[in-house]
Amino acid sequence: MLPVRGRDGRAVRGARILGTRTAWTPVGDGEFFCPGCGGDRNYQRLTGRRRFTLLGVPVLPRGETGPVVACAACHGHFGTDVLDHPTTTRFSAMLRDAVHTVALAVLAAGGTCARASLEAAACAVRAAGFDDCTEEQLDALVEALAADTGRVFGEPCGAGLAIELHEALDPLAPHLATIGREAILLQGARIALADGPYTPAEREVLATVGAALTLCTDDVTRLMAAAARTPS
């Protein structure tokens, strides 16, 4: 665009003679968490071609731009990295699965699946969103997992269980604040403590949970000690 040299009308009119215009082309769509709206919205993924304009008419290509993500509601344009953030619906599902996996892992590590532990686990899982979860369902799942893997109750956290925990927690951790990650670990700790002090296997499982949630070892130790000092 021409530089504005003063406040006279000629300068303003001159600024409108030359300009640029972007022609956007949709190349995909879907649902995302819109940072402008603050909620789940539909989006279009756009690529653009810029052109110089003369008196508003495109005349010369100026190269490509984008891609960008355009919100269908607020029409804001955002970088494609916004698609890395899960939608509210997806985030809720990830959180439910994470709490469920941690609860099963701690129960399996505890060895006996005492009624108190099952009640604590079912309460945590229901609070995370599985409203119809029961103690009997969790007990059956732990038994089935043990039968399927040949795993003995109460043994240290093996490679298979560690992989399951990381698969459930690794995608979630970047989207949780520290207090949220600590809350998941504390839920696991309270399940472990429901039937008595931590066993070595429970401590190992909780250490694996902390690592998957990107909590440092000192913080894991602090949180486990705090849970042990707090009456359930």
Protein backbone atom coordinates (compact mmCIF):
# COMPACT_ATOMS: atom_id res chain seq x y z
CA MET A 1 0.00 0.00 0.00
CA LEU A 2 1.12 3.57 -0.63
CA PRO A 3 2.45 5.47 2.39
CA VAL A 4 0.16 8.00 4.03
CA ARG A 5 1.95 11.36 3.72
CA GLY A 6 -0.52 13.65 5.40
CA ARG A 7 -4.11 14.28 6.37
CA ASP A 8 -5.31 15.46 2.99
CA GLY A 9 -7.82 13.45 1.01
CA ARG A 10 -5.27 12.51 -1.66
CA ALA A 11 -3.25 10.47 0.81
CA VAL A 12 -6.30 8.54 1.96
CA ARG A 13 -7.41 7.88 -1.58
CA GLY A 14 -3.88 6.82 -2.49
CA ALA A 15 -3.84 4.28 0.29
CA ARG A 16 -6.82 2.59 -1.33
CA ILE A 17 -5.31 2.32 -4.78
CA LEU A 18 -2.90 -0.52 -4.01
CA GLY A 19 -3.46 -3.29 -1.51
CA THR A 20 -3.53 -7.03 -1.00
CA ARG A 21 -6.32 -9.53 -0.91
CA THR A 22 -6.34 -13.14 0.22
CA ALA A 23 -8.51 -15.74 -1.46
CA TRP A 24 -9.20 -18.61 0.96
CA THR A 25 -9.85 -22.20 -0.13
CA PRO A 26 -11.33 -24.79 2.28
CA VAL A 27 -9.24 -27.97 2.52
CA GLY A 28 -10.90 -29.68 5.47
CA ASP A 29 -13.29 -29.27 8.36
CA GLY A 30 -14.18 -30.70 11.73
CA GLU A 31 -14.79 -29.77 15.35
CA PHE A 32 -12.29 -28.05 17.60
CA PHE A 33 -12.00 -26.09 20.83
CA CYS A 34 -12.15 -22.46 19.71
CA PRO A 35 -9.93 -20.20 21.82
CA GLY A 36 -11.99 -17.22 20.70
CA CYS A 37 -15.38 -18.64 21.69
CA GLY A 38 -14.06 -20.70 24.60
CA GLY A 39 -15.96 -23.83 23.58
CA ASP A 40 -16.36 -26.58 21.01
CA ARG A 41 -17.16 -25.25 17.54
CA ASN A 42 -17.08 -26.34 13.91
CA TYR A 43 -14.11 -25.19 11.87
CA GLN A 44 -12.79 -25.03 8.33
CA ARG A 45 -9.13 -25.50 7.53
CA LEU A 46 -8.17 -22.91 4.92
CA THR A 47 -5.24 -22.23 2.63
CA GLY A 48 -4.90 -18.86 0.98
CA ARG A 49 -3.37 -17.15 -2.02
CA ARG A 50 -2.46 -13.49 -1.69
CA ARG A 51 -2.61 -11.04 -4.59
CA PHE A 52 -1.77 -7.40 -5.04
CA THR A 53 -4.85 -5.39 -5.88
CA LEU A 54 -5.18 -2.25 -7.96
CA LEU A 55 -8.33 -0.28 -7.24
CA GLY A 56 -9.65 -3.40 -5.52
CA VAL A 57 -8.99 -5.66 -8.52
CA PRO A 58 -6.49 -8.55 -8.01
CA VAL A 59 -3.64 -8.15 -10.47
CA LEU A 60 -0.46 -9.91 -9.34
CA PRO A 61 0.10 -13.05 -7.22
CA ARG A 62 1.99 -12.50 -3.99
CA GLY A 63 2.35 -16.07 -2.78
CA GLU A 64 0.51 -18.45 -0.53
CA THR A 65 -0.48 -18.01 3.10
CA GLY A 66 -1.87 -20.26 5.78
CA PRO A 67 -3.04 -22.81 6.42
CA VAL A 68 -5.31 -21.42 9.11
CA VAL A 69 -8.25 -22.70 11.11
CA ALA A 70 -11.41 -20.60 10.77
CA CYS A 71 -14.13 -20.84 13.41
CA ALA A 72 -17.61 -21.17 11.94
CA ALA A 73 -19.10 -19.25 14.87
CA CYS A 74 -16.83 -16.28 15.61
CA HIS A 75 -15.05 -16.37 12.20
CA GLY A 76 -11.68 -15.97 13.92
CA HIS A 77 -8.56 -17.31 12.20
CA PHE A 78 -6.08 -19.33 14.26
CA GLY A 79 -2.90 -21.28 13.70
CA THR A 80 -3.30 -24.98 13.05
CA ASP A 81 -1.74 -25.76 16.43
CA VAL A 82 -5.16 -25.08 18.00
CA LEU A 83 -6.21 -28.48 16.63
CA ASP A 84 -3.78 -30.09 19.09
CA HIS A 85 -6.06 -29.02 21.93
CA PRO A 86 -8.81 -31.60 22.52
CA THR A 87 -12.43 -30.60 22.34
CA THR A 88 -14.34 -30.45 25.60
CA THR A 89 -16.03 -33.72 24.73
CA ARG A 90 -12.74 -35.42 23.90
CA PHE A 91 -11.05 -34.02 27.00
CA SER A 92 -13.82 -35.37 29.23
CA ALA A 93 -13.45 -38.81 27.65
CA MET A 94 -9.67 -38.74 28.10
CA LEU A 95 -10.08 -37.82 31.77
CA ARG A 96 -12.63 -40.58 32.37
CA ASP A 97 -10.36 -43.16 30.75
CA ALA A 98 -7.35 -41.94 32.73
CA VAL A 99 -9.08 -42.18 36.11
CA HIS A 100 -10.53 -45.57 35.20
CA THR A 101 -7.12 -46.93 34.17
CA VAL A 102 -5.40 -45.61 37.30
CA ALA A 103 -8.11 -47.12 39.51
CA LEU A 104 -7.77 -50.55 37.88
CA ALA A 105 -3.98 -50.42 38.10
CA VAL A 106 -4.02 -49.58 41.81
CA LEU A 107 -6.61 -52.25 42.55
CA ALA A 108 -4.56 -54.86 40.71
CA ALA A 109 -1.44 -53.82 42.59
CA GLY A 110 -3.27 -54.03 45.93
CA GLY A 111 -3.73 -57.73 45.50
CA THR A 112 -6.90 -58.46 47.42
CA CYS A 113 -9.43 -55.96 45.99
CA ALA A 114 -10.79 -55.28 49.46
CA ARG A 115 -14.29 -53.82 49.65
CA ALA A 116 -12.97 -50.49 50.94
CA SER A 117 -10.59 -50.17 47.98
CA LEU A 118 -13.31 -51.10 45.52
CA GLU A 119 -15.66 -48.51 47.03
CA ALA A 120 -13.00 -45.79 46.83
CA ALA A 121 -12.18 -46.74 43.23
CA ALA A 122 -15.82 -46.82 42.12
CA CYS A 123 -16.44 -43.44 43.73
CA ALA A 124 -13.48 -41.91 41.86
CA VAL A 125 -14.52 -43.44 38.55
CA ARG A 126 -18.13 -42.29 38.90
CA ALA A 127 -16.96 -38.77 39.76
CA ALA A 128 -14.87 -38.78 36.55
CA GLY A 129 -17.96 -39.47 34.44
CA PHE A 130 -18.69 -43.21 34.42
CA ASP A 131 -21.95 -42.75 36.32
CA ASP A 132 -22.98 -46.41 36.30
CA CYS A 133 -19.65 -47.83 37.54
CA THR A 134 -20.02 -50.31 40.43
CA GLU A 135 -17.64 -52.09 42.77
CA GLU A 136 -18.66 -55.40 41.23
CA GLN A 137 -17.79 -54.20 37.73
CA LEU A 138 -14.33 -53.06 38.80
CA ASP A 139 -13.69 -56.31 40.66
CA ALA A 140 -14.66 -58.30 37.58
CA LEU A 141 -12.45 -56.14 35.35
CA VAL A 142 -9.42 -56.64 37.59
CA GLU A 143 -10.03 -60.41 37.62
CA ALA A 144 -10.42 -60.44 33.84
CA LEU A 145 -7.24 -58.42 33.30
CA ALA A 146 -5.29 -60.74 35.53
CA ALA A 147 -6.63 -63.79 33.70
CA ASP A 148 -5.93 -62.26 30.30
CA THR A 149 -2.36 -61.26 31.05
CA GLY A 150 -1.40 -64.00 33.47
CA ARG A 151 -0.51 -61.33 35.95
CA VAL A 152 -0.42 -62.16 39.66
CA PHE A 153 -2.23 -59.78 42.00
CA GLY A 154 0.03 -57.65 44.13
CA GLU A 155 3.13 -57.97 41.99
CA PRO A 156 5.19 -54.89 40.99
CA CYS A 157 4.10 -52.77 38.04
CA GLY A 158 5.13 -54.74 34.97
CA ALA A 159 5.86 -53.49 31.49
CA GLY A 160 2.34 -54.17 30.23
CA LEU A 161 0.66 -52.23 33.01
CA ALA A 162 3.13 -49.37 32.69
CA ILE A 163 2.36 -49.15 28.97
CA GLU A 164 -1.39 -49.03 29.68
CA LEU A 165 -0.91 -46.22 32.18
CA HIS A 166 1.25 -44.20 29.80
CA GLU A 167 -1.20 -44.72 26.93
CA ALA A 168 -4.01 -43.32 29.08
CA LEU A 169 -2.09 -40.51 30.79
CA ASP A 170 0.51 -39.27 28.29
CA PRO A 171 -2.01 -37.62 25.91
CA LEU A 172 -3.87 -36.03 28.83
CA ALA A 173 -0.97 -34.60 30.84
CA PRO A 174 -0.13 -31.63 28.55
CA HIS A 175 -3.70 -30.34 28.82
CA LEU A 176 -3.92 -30.48 32.62
CA ALA A 177 -2.66 -27.86 35.04
CA THR A 178 -0.40 -29.10 37.82
CA ILE A 179 -3.28 -29.24 40.27
CA GLY A 180 -5.24 -31.46 37.89
CA ARG A 181 -2.36 -33.88 37.42
CA GLU A 182 -1.81 -34.01 41.17
CA ALA A 183 -5.52 -34.70 41.72
CA ILE A 184 -5.35 -37.85 39.57
CA LEU A 185 -2.36 -39.13 41.53
CA LEU A 186 -4.09 -38.36 44.84
CA GLN A 187 -7.15 -40.30 43.72
CA GLY A 188 -4.96 -43.32 43.05
CA ALA A 189 -3.24 -42.87 46.42
CA ARG A 190 -6.54 -42.78 48.29
CA ILE A 191 -7.67 -45.99 46.58
CA ALA A 192 -4.42 -47.64 47.63
CA LEU A 193 -4.78 -46.44 51.22
CA ALA A 194 -8.43 -47.42 51.58
CA ASP A 195 -7.50 -50.91 52.87
CA GLY A 196 -4.31 -49.99 54.72
CA PRO A 197 -0.80 -48.62 54.17
CA TYR A 198 0.80 -48.65 50.73
CA THR A 199 2.22 -51.95 49.56
CA PRO A 200 5.46 -51.93 47.53
CA ALA A 201 3.47 -52.77 44.41
CA GLU A 202 1.07 -49.88 45.01
CA ARG A 203 3.97 -47.50 45.50
CA GLU A 204 5.46 -48.61 42.19
CA VAL A 205 2.17 -48.16 40.36
CA LEU A 206 1.73 -44.67 41.80
CA ALA A 207 5.30 -43.79 40.83
CA THR A 208 4.48 -44.86 37.26
CA VAL A 209 1.31 -42.77 37.33
CA GLY A 210 3.31 -39.75 38.51
CA ALA A 211 5.91 -40.20 35.78
CA ALA A 212 3.20 -40.44 33.10
CA LEU A 213 1.65 -37.24 34.47
CA THR A 214 5.06 -35.52 34.28
CA LEU A 215 5.24 -35.06 38.05
CA CYS A 216 8.75 -35.17 39.48
CA THR A 217 9.73 -37.88 41.95
CA ASP A 218 9.84 -35.47 44.89
CA ASP A 219 6.30 -34.28 44.15
CA VAL A 220 5.03 -37.85 43.89
CA THR A 221 6.59 -38.68 47.26
CA ARG A 222 5.13 -35.52 48.81
CA LEU A 223 1.63 -36.21 47.49
CA MET A 224 1.67 -39.84 48.61
CA ALA A 225 2.76 -38.79 52.09
CA ALA A 226 0.07 -36.10 52.22
CA ALA A 227 -2.61 -38.64 51.24
CA ALA A 228 -1.41 -41.00 53.96
CA ARG A 229 -1.71 -38.25 56.58
CA THR A 230 -5.21 -37.22 55.51
CA PRO A 231 -8.10 -39.25 56.91
CA SER A 232 -10.23 -40.76 54.14
